[in-house]
Amino acid sequence: MEKELDKVVEEIMLTPNVTGCIFADHQGLCLAAKGTAHVDSAGILVAISEQACKLQPNLKPPTIYLESDDKMCLIQRHGTITGGIFKHKE
């Protein structure tokens, strides 16, 4: 699985305006991080995703979009893995 995840990380980092990405397991353990994504944020991303899932527990996990003046972060859970993508605004 590690090689597949590394391939996904590399593909994401090739996307325009992406500055970093991170993936974590359901306990907040960082599985992969690259670019501006810091391994210490893995647990926070998982916690945010878990709280968002509680809003409507019968639906698929939501995509969370955090935004500042010049940056954005997208958080999505798929199964037991949560991913975060950091981007500069266009």
PDB file of N, CA and C in Angstrom:
ATOM      1  N   MET A   1       0.819  -1.186   0.000  1.00  0.00           N
ATOM      2  CA  MET A   1       0.000   0.000   0.000  1.00  0.00           C
ATOM      3  C   MET A   1       0.872   1.261   0.000  1.00  0.00           C
ATOM      4  N   GLU A   2       2.035   1.186   0.622  1.00  0.00           N
ATOM      5  CA  GLU A   2       2.883   2.374   0.735  1.00  0.00           C
ATOM      6  C   GLU A   2       3.315   2.887  -0.637  1.00  0.00           C
ATOM      7  N   LYS A   3       3.654   1.982  -1.549  1.00  0.00           N
ATOM      8  CA  LYS A   3       4.066   2.414  -2.889  1.00  0.00           C
ATOM      9  C   LYS A   3       2.915   3.068  -3.634  1.00  0.00           C
ATOM     10  N   GLU A   4       1.715   2.521  -3.474  1.00  0.00           N
ATOM     11  CA  GLU A   4       0.539   3.108  -4.121  1.00  0.00           C
ATOM     12  C   GLU A   4       0.248   4.491  -3.559  1.00  0.00           C
ATOM     13  N   LEU A   5       0.370   4.644  -2.256  1.00  0.00           N
ATOM     14  CA  LEU A   5       0.130   5.937  -1.627  1.00  0.00           C
ATOM     15  C   LEU A   5       1.178   6.956  -2.064  1.00  0.00           C
ATOM     16  N   ASP A   6       2.419   6.530  -2.158  1.00  0.00           N
ATOM     17  CA  ASP A   6       3.480   7.425  -2.639  1.00  0.00           C
ATOM     18  C   ASP A   6       3.202   7.898  -4.061  1.00  0.00           C
ATOM     19  N   LYS A   7       2.664   7.009  -4.887  1.00  0.00           N
ATOM     20  CA  LYS A   7       2.325   7.369  -6.267  1.00  0.00           C
ATOM     21  C   LYS A   7       1.205   8.408  -6.291  1.00  0.00           C
ATOM     22  N   VAL A   8       0.200   8.223  -5.439  1.00  0.00           N
ATOM     23  CA  VAL A   8      -0.905   9.171  -5.356  1.00  0.00           C
ATOM     24  C   VAL A   8      -0.395  10.535  -4.892  1.00  0.00           C
ATOM     25  N   VAL A   9       0.478  10.543  -3.889  1.00  0.00           N
ATOM     26  CA  VAL A   9       1.039  11.792  -3.376  1.00  0.00           C
ATOM     27  C   VAL A   9       1.790  12.528  -4.482  1.00  0.00           C
ATOM     28  N   GLU A  10       2.596  11.812  -5.236  1.00  0.00           N
ATOM     29  CA  GLU A  10       3.355  12.437  -6.326  1.00  0.00           C
ATOM     30  C   GLU A  10       2.426  13.020  -7.390  1.00  0.00           C
ATOM     31  N   GLU A  11       1.349  12.306  -7.723  1.00  0.00           N
ATOM     32  CA  GLU A  11       0.387  12.805  -8.706  1.00  0.00           C
ATOM     33  C   GLU A  11      -0.310  14.065  -8.208  1.00  0.00           C
ATOM     34  N   ILE A  12      -0.688  14.072  -6.938  1.00  0.00           N
ATOM     35  CA  ILE A  12      -1.351  15.246  -6.363  1.00  0.00           C
ATOM     36  C   ILE A  12      -0.415  16.446  -6.398  1.00  0.00           C
ATOM     37  N   MET A  13       0.839  16.239  -6.068  1.00  0.00           N
ATOM     38  CA  MET A  13       1.798  17.347  -6.013  1.00  0.00           C
ATOM     39  C   MET A  13       2.063  17.952  -7.402  1.00  0.00           C
ATOM     40  N   LEU A  14       1.759  17.223  -8.459  1.00  0.00           N
ATOM     41  CA  LEU A  14       1.921  17.742  -9.823  1.00  0.00           C
ATOM     42  C   LEU A  14       0.754  18.632 -10.250  1.00  0.00           C
ATOM     43  N   THR A  15      -0.313  18.639  -9.473  1.00  0.00           N
ATOM     44  CA  THR A  15      -1.484  19.452  -9.786  1.00  0.00           C
ATOM     45  C   THR A  15      -1.149  20.931  -9.592  1.00  0.00           C
ATOM     46  N   PRO A  16      -1.558  21.792 -10.529  1.00  0.00           N
ATOM     47  CA  PRO A  16      -1.273  23.230 -10.390  1.00  0.00           C
ATOM     48  C   PRO A  16      -1.796  23.806  -9.075  1.00  0.00           C
ATOM     49  N   ASN A  17      -1.018  24.683  -8.471  1.00  0.00           N
ATOM     50  CA  ASN A  17      -1.327  25.406  -7.234  1.00  0.00           C
ATOM     51  C   ASN A  17      -1.302  24.557  -5.969  1.00  0.00           C
ATOM     52  N   VAL A  18      -1.058  23.254  -6.076  1.00  0.00           N
ATOM     53  CA  VAL A  18      -0.962  22.414  -4.883  1.00  0.00           C
ATOM     54  C   VAL A  18       0.410  22.627  -4.243  1.00  0.00           C
ATOM     55  N   THR A  19       0.390  22.935  -2.948  1.00  0.00           N
ATOM     56  CA  THR A  19       1.639  23.172  -2.232  1.00  0.00           C
ATOM     57  C   THR A  19       1.990  22.041  -1.268  1.00  0.00           C
ATOM     58  N   GLY A  20       1.006  21.197  -0.941  1.00  0.00           N
ATOM     59  CA  GLY A  20       1.277  20.083  -0.046  1.00  0.00           C
ATOM     60  C   GLY A  20       0.100  19.153   0.066  1.00  0.00           C
ATOM     61  N   CYS A  21       0.379  17.940   0.542  1.00  0.00           N
ATOM     62  CA  CYS A  21      -0.693  16.982   0.799  1.00  0.00           C
ATOM     63  C   CYS A  21      -0.272  16.052   1.931  1.00  0.00           C
ATOM     64  N   ILE A  22      -1.281  15.506   2.605  1.00  0.00           N
ATOM     65  CA  ILE A  22      -1.035  14.631   3.750  1.00  0.00           C
ATOM     66  C   ILE A  22      -2.137  13.576   3.810  1.00  0.00           C
ATOM     67  N   PHE A  23      -1.762  12.377   4.256  1.00  0.00           N
ATOM     68  CA  PHE A  23      -2.718  11.296   4.447  1.00  0.00           C
ATOM     69  C   PHE A  23      -2.500  10.699   5.823  1.00  0.00           C
ATOM     70  N   ALA A  24      -3.600  10.369   6.507  1.00  0.00           N
ATOM     71  CA  ALA A  24      -3.529   9.816   7.848  1.00  0.00           C
ATOM     72  C   ALA A  24      -4.533   8.683   8.015  1.00  0.00           C
ATOM     73  N   ASP A  25      -4.226   7.759   8.942  1.00  0.00           N
ATOM     74  CA  ASP A  25      -5.183   6.687   9.224  1.00  0.00           C
ATOM     75  C   ASP A  25      -6.246   7.184  10.192  1.00  0.00           C
ATOM     76  N   HIS A  26      -7.175   6.309  10.554  1.00  0.00           N
ATOM     77  CA  HIS A  26      -8.313   6.718  11.382  1.00  0.00           C
ATOM     78  C   HIS A  26      -7.915   7.158  12.789  1.00  0.00           C
ATOM     79  N   GLN A  27      -6.693   6.845  13.221  1.00  0.00           N
ATOM     80  CA  GLN A  27      -6.220   7.255  14.540  1.00  0.00           C
ATOM     81  C   GLN A  27      -5.390   8.536  14.491  1.00  0.00           C
ATOM     82  N   GLY A  28      -5.218   9.104  13.293  1.00  0.00           N
ATOM     83  CA  GLY A  28      -4.451  10.328  13.158  1.00  0.00           C
ATOM     84  C   GLY A  28      -2.974  10.116  12.906  1.00  0.00           C
ATOM     85  N   LEU A  29      -2.566   8.881  12.659  1.00  0.00           N
ATOM     86  CA  LEU A  29      -1.170   8.580  12.356  1.00  0.00           C
ATOM     87  C   LEU A  29      -0.872   8.987  10.920  1.00  0.00           C
ATOM     88  N   CYS A  30       0.139   9.794  10.729  1.00  0.00           N
ATOM     89  CA  CYS A  30       0.500  10.254   9.385  1.00  0.00           C
ATOM     90  C   CYS A  30       1.042   9.092   8.558  1.00  0.00           C
ATOM     91  N   LEU A  31       0.441   8.860   7.399  1.00  0.00           N
ATOM     92  CA  LEU A  31       0.883   7.818   6.487  1.00  0.00           C
ATOM     93  C   LEU A  31       1.801   8.370   5.404  1.00  0.00           C
ATOM     94  N   ALA A  32       1.582   9.620   5.024  1.00  0.00           N
ATOM     95  CA  ALA A  32       2.399  10.276   4.001  1.00  0.00           C
ATOM     96  C   ALA A  32       2.164  11.778   4.087  1.00  0.00           C
ATOM     97  N   ALA A  33       3.225  12.541   3.855  1.00  0.00           N
ATOM     98  CA  ALA A  33       3.108  13.999   3.824  1.00  0.00           C
ATOM     99  C   ALA A  33       4.173  14.537   2.885  1.00  0.00           C
ATOM    100  N   LYS A  34       3.823  15.565   2.135  1.00  0.00           N
ATOM    101  CA  LYS A  34       4.765  16.154   1.183  1.00  0.00           C
ATOM    102  C   LYS A  34       4.465  17.641   1.040  1.00  0.00           C
ATOM    103  N   GLY A  35       5.479  18.408   0.712  1.00  0.00           N
ATOM    104  CA  GLY A  35       5.307  19.836   0.501  1.00  0.00           C
ATOM    105  C   GLY A  35       5.087  20.570   1.801  1.00  0.00           C
ATOM    106  N   THR A  36       4.150  21.503   1.807  1.00  0.00           N
ATOM    107  CA  THR A  36       3.898  22.340   2.977  1.00  0.00           C
ATOM    108  C   THR A  36       3.090  21.635   4.068  1.00  0.00           C
ATOM    109  N   ALA A  37       2.599  20.444   3.803  1.00  0.00           N
ATOM    110  CA  ALA A  37       1.828  19.699   4.807  1.00  0.00           C
ATOM    111  C   ALA A  37       2.779  19.177   5.882  1.00  0.00           C
ATOM    112  N   HIS A  38       2.458  19.447   7.127  1.00  0.00           N
ATOM    113  CA  HIS A  38       3.299  19.026   8.231  1.00  0.00           C
ATOM    114  C   HIS A  38       2.701  17.789   8.890  1.00  0.00           C
ATOM    115  N   VAL A  39       3.541  16.816   9.234  1.00  0.00           N
ATOM    116  CA  VAL A  39       3.059  15.562   9.817  1.00  0.00           C
ATOM    117  C   VAL A  39       2.269  15.787  11.102  1.00  0.00           C
ATOM    118  N   ASP A  40       2.561  16.867  11.829  1.00  0.00           N
ATOM    119  CA  ASP A  40       1.845  17.144  13.082  1.00  0.00           C
ATOM    120  C   ASP A  40       0.379  17.513  12.860  1.00  0.00           C
ATOM    121  N   SER A  41       0.007  17.859  11.640  1.00  0.00           N
ATOM    122  CA  SER A  41      -1.386  18.231  11.371  1.00  0.00           C
ATOM    123  C   SER A  41      -2.267  17.019  11.048  1.00  0.00           C
ATOM    124  N   ALA A  42      -1.701  15.839  10.960  1.00  0.00           N
ATOM    125  CA  ALA A  42      -2.473  14.643  10.590  1.00  0.00           C
ATOM    126  C   ALA A  42      -3.634  14.397  11.551  1.00  0.00           C
ATOM    127  N   GLY A  43      -3.373  14.434  12.839  1.00  0.00           N
ATOM    128  CA  GLY A  43      -4.421  14.180  13.822  1.00  0.00           C
ATOM    129  C   GLY A  43      -5.521  15.226  13.790  1.00  0.00           C
ATOM    130  N   ILE A  44      -5.130  16.466  13.557  1.00  0.00           N
ATOM    131  CA  ILE A  44      -6.112  17.555  13.487  1.00  0.00           C
ATOM    132  C   ILE A  44      -7.038  17.358  12.290  1.00  0.00           C
ATOM    133  N   LEU A  45      -6.464  16.987  11.145  1.00  0.00           N
ATOM    134  CA  LEU A  45      -7.285  16.763   9.943  1.00  0.00           C
ATOM    135  C   LEU A  45      -8.281  15.637  10.166  1.00  0.00           C
ATOM    136  N   VAL A  46      -7.839  14.555  10.809  1.00  0.00           N
ATOM    137  CA  VAL A  46      -8.742  13.432  11.086  1.00  0.00           C
ATOM    138  C   VAL A  46      -9.846  13.872  12.047  1.00  0.00           C
ATOM    139  N   ALA A  47      -9.498  14.638  13.070  1.00  0.00           N
ATOM    140  CA  ALA A  47     -10.498  15.108  14.032  1.00  0.00           C
ATOM    141  C   ALA A  47     -11.530  16.015  13.373  1.00  0.00           C
ATOM    142  N   ILE A  48     -11.090  16.913  12.496  1.00  0.00           N
ATOM    143  CA  ILE A  48     -12.016  17.785  11.776  1.00  0.00           C
ATOM    144  C   ILE A  48     -12.966  16.950  10.922  1.00  0.00           C
ATOM    145  N   SER A  49     -12.421  15.967  10.225  1.00  0.00           N
ATOM    146  CA  SER A  49     -13.242  15.109   9.377  1.00  0.00           C
ATOM    147  C   SER A  49     -14.263  14.322  10.205  1.00  0.00           C
ATOM    148  N   GLU A  50     -13.828  13.793  11.335  1.00  0.00           N
ATOM    149  CA  GLU A  50     -14.741  13.031  12.192  1.00  0.00           C
ATOM    150  C   GLU A  50     -15.895  13.906  12.695  1.00  0.00           C
ATOM    151  N   GLN A  51     -15.586  15.120  13.093  1.00  0.00           N
ATOM    152  CA  GLN A  51     -16.635  16.021  13.586  1.00  0.00           C
ATOM    153  C   GLN A  51     -17.607  16.386  12.468  1.00  0.00           C
ATOM    154  N   ALA A  52     -17.096  16.633  11.268  1.00  0.00           N
ATOM    155  CA  ALA A  52     -17.959  16.962  10.131  1.00  0.00           C
ATOM    156  C   ALA A  52     -18.872  15.785   9.782  1.00  0.00           C
ATOM    157  N   CYS A  53     -18.368  14.562   9.917  1.00  0.00           N
ATOM    158  CA  CYS A  53     -19.182  13.373   9.624  1.00  0.00           C
ATOM    159  C   CYS A  53     -20.355  13.228  10.583  1.00  0.00           C
ATOM    160  N   LYS A  54     -20.241  13.780  11.778  1.00  0.00           N
ATOM    161  CA  LYS A  54     -21.314  13.695  12.769  1.00  0.00           C
ATOM    162  C   LYS A  54     -22.513  14.568  12.408  1.00  0.00           C
ATOM    163  N   LEU A  55     -22.322  15.536  11.518  1.00  0.00           N
ATOM    164  CA  LEU A  55     -23.429  16.413  11.135  1.00  0.00           C
ATOM    165  C   LEU A  55     -24.536  15.646  10.424  1.00  0.00           C
ATOM    166  N   GLN A  56     -24.145  14.739   9.546  1.00  0.00           N
ATOM    167  CA  GLN A  56     -25.112  13.898   8.843  1.00  0.00           C
ATOM    168  C   GLN A  56     -24.510  12.499   8.713  1.00  0.00           C
ATOM    169  N   PRO A  57     -24.604  11.698   9.773  1.00  0.00           N
ATOM    170  CA  PRO A  57     -23.924  10.408   9.818  1.00  0.00           C
ATOM    171  C   PRO A  57     -24.396   9.367   8.803  1.00  0.00           C
ATOM    172  N   ASN A  58     -25.555   9.537   8.226  1.00  0.00           N
ATOM    173  CA  ASN A  58     -26.060   8.549   7.274  1.00  0.00           C
ATOM    174  C   ASN A  58     -25.600   8.806   5.843  1.00  0.00           C
ATOM    175  N   LEU A  59     -24.892   9.907   5.617  1.00  0.00           N
ATOM    176  CA  LEU A  59     -24.402  10.245   4.284  1.00  0.00           C
ATOM    177  C   LEU A  59     -22.916   9.942   4.173  1.00  0.00           C
ATOM    178  N   LYS A  60     -22.396   9.980   2.947  1.00  0.00           N
ATOM    179  CA  LYS A  60     -20.960   9.763   2.768  1.00  0.00           C
ATOM    180  C   LYS A  60     -20.192  10.910   3.428  1.00  0.00           C
ATOM    181  N   PRO A  61     -18.936  10.669   3.813  1.00  0.00           N
ATOM    182  CA  PRO A  61     -18.167  11.728   4.476  1.00  0.00           C
ATOM    183  C   PRO A  61     -18.073  12.987   3.611  1.00  0.00           C
ATOM    184  N   PRO A  62     -18.257  14.146   4.231  1.00  0.00           N
ATOM    185  CA  PRO A  62     -18.220  15.391   3.455  1.00  0.00           C
ATOM    186  C   PRO A  62     -16.793  15.806   3.110  1.00  0.00           C
ATOM    187  N   THR A  63     -16.674  16.656   2.121  1.00  0.00           N
ATOM    188  CA  THR A  63     -15.411  17.313   1.822  1.00  0.00           C
ATOM    189  C   THR A  63     -15.415  18.633   2.577  1.00  0.00           C
ATOM    190  N   ILE A  64     -14.378  18.861   3.355  1.00  0.00           N
ATOM    191  CA  ILE A  64     -14.269  20.080   4.146  1.00  0.00           C
ATOM    192  C   ILE A  64     -13.333  21.037   3.425  1.00  0.00           C
ATOM    193  N   TYR A  65     -13.749  22.273   3.321  1.00  0.00           N
ATOM    194  CA  TYR A  65     -13.006  23.297   2.591  1.00  0.00           C
ATOM    195  C   TYR A  65     -12.688  24.428   3.556  1.00  0.00           C
ATOM    196  N   LEU A  66     -11.399  24.576   3.880  1.00  0.00           N
ATOM    197  CA  LEU A  66     -10.958  25.662   4.754  1.00  0.00           C
ATOM    198  C   LEU A  66     -10.236  26.687   3.889  1.00  0.00           C
ATOM    199  N   GLU A  67     -10.487  27.960   4.160  1.00  0.00           N
ATOM    200  CA  GLU A  67      -9.979  28.997   3.267  1.00  0.00           C
ATOM    201  C   GLU A  67      -9.446  30.186   4.061  1.00  0.00           C
ATOM    202  N   SER A  68      -8.328  30.746   3.584  1.00  0.00           N
ATOM    203  CA  SER A  68      -7.821  32.016   4.094  1.00  0.00           C
ATOM    204  C   SER A  68      -7.685  32.956   2.898  1.00  0.00           C
ATOM    205  N   ASP A  69      -7.053  34.094   3.086  1.00  0.00           N
ATOM    206  CA  ASP A  69      -6.935  35.061   1.992  1.00  0.00           C
ATOM    207  C   ASP A  69      -6.238  34.489   0.766  1.00  0.00           C
ATOM    208  N   ASP A  70      -5.176  33.713   0.966  1.00  0.00           N
ATOM    209  CA  ASP A  70      -4.397  33.249  -0.178  1.00  0.00           C
ATOM    210  C   ASP A  70      -4.193  31.741  -0.244  1.00  0.00           C
ATOM    211  N   LYS A  71      -4.738  31.000   0.730  1.00  0.00           N
ATOM    212  CA  LYS A  71      -4.547  29.551   0.758  1.00  0.00           C
ATOM    213  C   LYS A  71      -5.869  28.839   1.012  1.00  0.00           C
ATOM    214  N   MET A  72      -5.875  27.549   0.723  1.00  0.00           N
ATOM    215  CA  MET A  72      -7.041  26.726   1.017  1.00  0.00           C
ATOM    216  C   MET A  72      -6.586  25.312   1.366  1.00  0.00           C
ATOM    217  N   CYS A  73      -7.425  24.625   2.089  1.00  0.00           N
ATOM    218  CA  CYS A  73      -7.161  23.240   2.461  1.00  0.00           C
ATOM    219  C   CYS A  73      -8.442  22.440   2.240  1.00  0.00           C
ATOM    220  N   LEU A  74      -8.313  21.327   1.532  1.00  0.00           N
ATOM    221  CA  LEU A  74      -9.435  20.421   1.296  1.00  0.00           C
ATOM    222  C   LEU A  74      -9.178  19.152   2.100  1.00  0.00           C
ATOM    223  N   ILE A  75     -10.176  18.714   2.856  1.00  0.00           N
ATOM    224  CA  ILE A  75     -10.053  17.514   3.677  1.00  0.00           C
ATOM    225  C   ILE A  75     -11.151  16.542   3.274  1.00  0.00           C
ATOM    226  N   GLN A  76     -10.781  15.291   3.050  1.00  0.00           N
ATOM    227  CA  GLN A  76     -11.772  14.271   2.659  1.00  0.00           C
ATOM    228  C   GLN A  76     -11.378  12.939   3.280  1.00  0.00           C
ATOM    229  N   ARG A  77     -12.361  12.243   3.780  1.00  0.00           N
ATOM    230  CA  ARG A  77     -12.137  10.901   4.322  1.00  0.00           C
ATOM    231  C   ARG A  77     -12.672   9.875   3.327  1.00  0.00           C
ATOM    232  N   HIS A  78     -11.899   8.828   3.130  1.00  0.00           N
ATOM    233  CA  HIS A  78     -12.326   7.719   2.273  1.00  0.00           C
ATOM    234  C   HIS A  78     -11.996   6.434   3.027  1.00  0.00           C
ATOM    235  N   GLY A  79     -13.028   5.779   3.528  1.00  0.00           N
ATOM    236  CA  GLY A  79     -12.798   4.585   4.344  1.00  0.00           C
ATOM    237  C   GLY A  79     -12.112   4.973   5.640  1.00  0.00           C
ATOM    238  N   THR A  80     -10.944   4.382   5.885  1.00  0.00           N
ATOM    239  CA  THR A  80     -10.209   4.676   7.117  1.00  0.00           C
ATOM    240  C   THR A  80      -9.080   5.686   6.904  1.00  0.00           C
ATOM    241  N   ILE A  81      -8.944   6.200   5.700  1.00  0.00           N
ATOM    242  CA  ILE A  81      -7.872   7.145   5.398  1.00  0.00           C
ATOM    243  C   ILE A  81      -8.459   8.536   5.155  1.00  0.00           C
ATOM    244  N   THR A  82      -7.848   9.528   5.780  1.00  0.00           N
ATOM    245  CA  THR A  82      -8.232  10.928   5.595  1.00  0.00           C
ATOM    246  C   THR A  82      -7.092  11.635   4.885  1.00  0.00           C
ATOM    247  N   GLY A  83      -7.458  12.434   3.880  1.00  0.00           N
ATOM    248  CA  GLY A  83      -6.454  13.161   3.137  1.00  0.00           C
ATOM    249  C   GLY A  83      -6.686  14.659   3.203  1.00  0.00           C
ATOM    250  N   GLY A  84      -5.597  15.398   3.153  1.00  0.00           N
ATOM    251  CA  GLY A  84      -5.673  16.842   3.115  1.00  0.00           C
ATOM    252  C   GLY A  84      -4.805  17.373   1.995  1.00  0.00           C
ATOM    253  N   ILE A  85      -5.334  18.309   1.223  1.00  0.00           N
ATOM    254  CA  ILE A  85      -4.593  18.929   0.126  1.00  0.00           C
ATOM    255  C   ILE A  85      -4.542  20.419   0.382  1.00  0.00           C
ATOM    256  N   PHE A  86      -3.333  20.964   0.341  1.00  0.00           N
ATOM    257  CA  PHE A  86      -3.109  22.385   0.569  1.00  0.00           C
ATOM    258  C   PHE A  86      -2.800  23.051  -0.763  1.00  0.00           C
ATOM    259  N   LYS A  87      -3.478  24.189  -1.017  1.00  0.00           N
ATOM    260  CA  LYS A  87      -3.321  24.871  -2.304  1.00  0.00           C
ATOM    261  C   LYS A  87      -3.207  26.376  -2.099  1.00  0.00           C
ATOM    262  N   HIS A  88      -2.544  27.027  -3.057  1.00  0.00           N
ATOM    263  CA  HIS A  88      -2.596  28.481  -3.165  1.00  0.00           C
ATOM    264  C   HIS A  88      -3.826  28.813  -3.988  1.00  0.00           C
ATOM    265  N   LYS A  89      -4.510  29.895  -3.662  1.00  0.00           N
ATOM    266  CA  LYS A  89      -5.644  30.319  -4.473  1.00  0.00           C
ATOM    267  C   LYS A  89      -5.143  30.802  -5.818  1.00  0.00           C
ATOM    268  N   GLU A  90      -5.953  30.583  -6.823  1.00  0.00           N
ATOM    269  CA  GLU A  90      -5.596  31.004  -8.186  1.00  0.00           C
ATOM    270  C   GLU A  90      -5.807  32.472  -8.373  1.00  0.00           C
TER     271      GLU A  90
END
